[in-house]
């Protein structure tokens, strides 16, 4: 006879645990799906949010898109 898994109630979980739980709940989800995508830091009272260097998805136009080319003229 196997023992039931221990589940932590939602109000006992930290926000990081809730995030991990939500991002890995899908049938084909992997641990990589729960990897951090942003870095938050505080400098002189200002909060800075950066996209993590290893984030698989980044905001803005992707590589090969004309908008991503720094030499592309936006008027073209």
C-alpha atoms as a PDB file:
ATOM      1  CA  UNK A   1       0.000   0.000   0.000  1.00  0.00           C
ATOM      2  CA  UNK A   2       1.456   3.359  -1.012  1.00  0.00           C
ATOM      3  CA  UNK A   3       1.299   6.497   1.066  1.00  0.00           C
ATOM      4  CA  UNK A   4      -0.505   9.538  -0.316  1.00  0.00           C
ATOM      5  CA  UNK A   5       1.634  12.439  -1.520  1.00  0.00           C
ATOM      6  CA  UNK A   6       2.008  15.359   0.832  1.00  0.00           C
ATOM      7  CA  UNK A   7       0.399  18.500  -0.632  1.00  0.00           C
ATOM      8  CA  UNK A   8       0.906  21.936   0.822  1.00  0.00           C
ATOM      9  CA  UNK A   9      -2.176  24.112   0.915  1.00  0.00           C
ATOM     10  CA  UNK A  10      -2.054  27.227  -1.274  1.00  0.00           C
ATOM     11  CA  UNK A  11      -1.980  29.585   1.715  1.00  0.00           C
ATOM     12  CA  UNK A  12       1.146  27.837   3.081  1.00  0.00           C
ATOM     13  CA  UNK A  13       3.068  28.160  -0.217  1.00  0.00           C
ATOM     14  CA  UNK A  14       5.390  31.048  -0.985  1.00  0.00           C
ATOM     15  CA  UNK A  15       4.766  33.045  -4.167  1.00  0.00           C
ATOM     16  CA  UNK A  16       7.787  31.321  -5.758  1.00  0.00           C
ATOM     17  CA  UNK A  17       6.309  27.899  -4.922  1.00  0.00           C
ATOM     18  CA  UNK A  18       2.904  28.921  -6.302  1.00  0.00           C
ATOM     19  CA  UNK A  19       4.561  30.178  -9.512  1.00  0.00           C
ATOM     20  CA  UNK A  20       6.517  26.937  -9.924  1.00  0.00           C
ATOM     21  CA  UNK A  21       3.406  24.859  -9.235  1.00  0.00           C
ATOM     22  CA  UNK A  22       1.350  26.780 -11.789  1.00  0.00           C
ATOM     23  CA  UNK A  23       4.020  26.707 -14.515  1.00  0.00           C
ATOM     24  CA  UNK A  24       4.674  22.971 -14.164  1.00  0.00           C
ATOM     25  CA  UNK A  25       1.020  21.873 -13.888  1.00  0.00           C
ATOM     26  CA  UNK A  26       0.435  21.365 -17.635  1.00  0.00           C
ATOM     27  CA  UNK A  27       0.721  17.774 -18.914  1.00  0.00           C
ATOM     28  CA  UNK A  28       3.866  18.381 -21.006  1.00  0.00           C
ATOM     29  CA  UNK A  29       5.461  20.985 -18.700  1.00  0.00           C
ATOM     30  CA  UNK A  30       9.097  20.678 -17.665  1.00  0.00           C
ATOM     31  CA  UNK A  31      11.226  22.270 -14.956  1.00  0.00           C
ATOM     32  CA  UNK A  32      12.579  24.654 -17.617  1.00  0.00           C
ATOM     33  CA  UNK A  33       9.082  26.136 -17.933  1.00  0.00           C
ATOM     34  CA  UNK A  34       9.390  27.400 -14.352  1.00  0.00           C
ATOM     35  CA  UNK A  35      12.833  28.951 -14.819  1.00  0.00           C
ATOM     36  CA  UNK A  36      13.016  32.644 -13.888  1.00  0.00           C
ATOM     37  CA  UNK A  37      12.563  34.982 -16.848  1.00  0.00           C
ATOM     38  CA  UNK A  38      13.257  38.321 -15.170  1.00  0.00           C
ATOM     39  CA  UNK A  39      15.746  39.772 -12.704  1.00  0.00           C
ATOM     40  CA  UNK A  40      14.574  42.424 -10.227  1.00  0.00           C
ATOM     41  CA  UNK A  41      17.066  44.696  -8.503  1.00  0.00           C
ATOM     42  CA  UNK A  42      16.898  47.891  -6.481  1.00  0.00           C
ATOM     43  CA  UNK A  43      19.302  50.809  -7.021  1.00  0.00           C
ATOM     44  CA  UNK A  44      19.086  54.044  -5.030  1.00  0.00           C
ATOM     45  CA  UNK A  45      15.405  53.464  -4.279  1.00  0.00           C
ATOM     46  CA  UNK A  46      14.539  52.621  -7.903  1.00  0.00           C
ATOM     47  CA  UNK A  47      13.348  49.151  -8.866  1.00  0.00           C
ATOM     48  CA  UNK A  48      14.857  47.790 -12.083  1.00  0.00           C
ATOM     49  CA  UNK A  49      13.347  44.832 -13.943  1.00  0.00           C
ATOM     50  CA  UNK A  50      15.486  43.166 -16.630  1.00  0.00           C
ATOM     51  CA  UNK A  51      14.829  40.187 -18.854  1.00  0.00           C
ATOM     52  CA  UNK A  52      17.080  37.363 -17.653  1.00  0.00           C
ATOM     53  CA  UNK A  53      19.949  36.671 -20.091  1.00  0.00           C
ATOM     54  CA  UNK A  54      18.993  32.987 -20.280  1.00  0.00           C
ATOM     55  CA  UNK A  55      15.250  33.650 -20.799  1.00  0.00           C
ATOM     56  CA  UNK A  56      14.074  31.599 -23.793  1.00  0.00           C
ATOM     57  CA  UNK A  57      11.466  34.186 -24.785  1.00  0.00           C
ATOM     58  CA  UNK A  58      12.220  37.896 -24.987  1.00  0.00           C
ATOM     59  CA  UNK A  59      10.020  40.919 -25.633  1.00  0.00           C
ATOM     60  CA  UNK A  60      10.182  42.782 -28.914  1.00  0.00           C
ATOM     61  CA  UNK A  61      10.813  41.658 -32.487  1.00  0.00           C
ATOM     62  CA  UNK A  62      12.694  38.413 -32.908  1.00  0.00           C
ATOM     63  CA  UNK A  63      15.955  37.801 -34.763  1.00  0.00           C
ATOM     64  CA  UNK A  64      15.595  38.223 -38.510  1.00  0.00           C
ATOM     65  CA  UNK A  65      12.654  40.609 -38.205  1.00  0.00           C
ATOM     66  CA  UNK A  66      13.211  43.955 -39.959  1.00  0.00           C
ATOM     67  CA  UNK A  67      12.296  45.781 -36.736  1.00  0.00           C
ATOM     68  CA  UNK A  68      15.161  43.989 -34.936  1.00  0.00           C
ATOM     69  CA  UNK A  69      17.768  45.310 -37.370  1.00  0.00           C
ATOM     70  CA  UNK A  70      19.259  48.424 -35.761  1.00  0.00           C
ATOM     71  CA  UNK A  71      20.102  49.830 -39.203  1.00  0.00           C
ATOM     72  CA  UNK A  72      16.548  49.418 -40.557  1.00  0.00           C
ATOM     73  CA  UNK A  73      14.790  52.700 -41.310  1.00  0.00           C
ATOM     74  CA  UNK A  74      11.416  52.735 -39.482  1.00  0.00           C
ATOM     75  CA  UNK A  75       9.989  54.865 -42.336  1.00  0.00           C
ATOM     76  CA  UNK A  76      10.565  52.089 -44.953  1.00  0.00           C
END
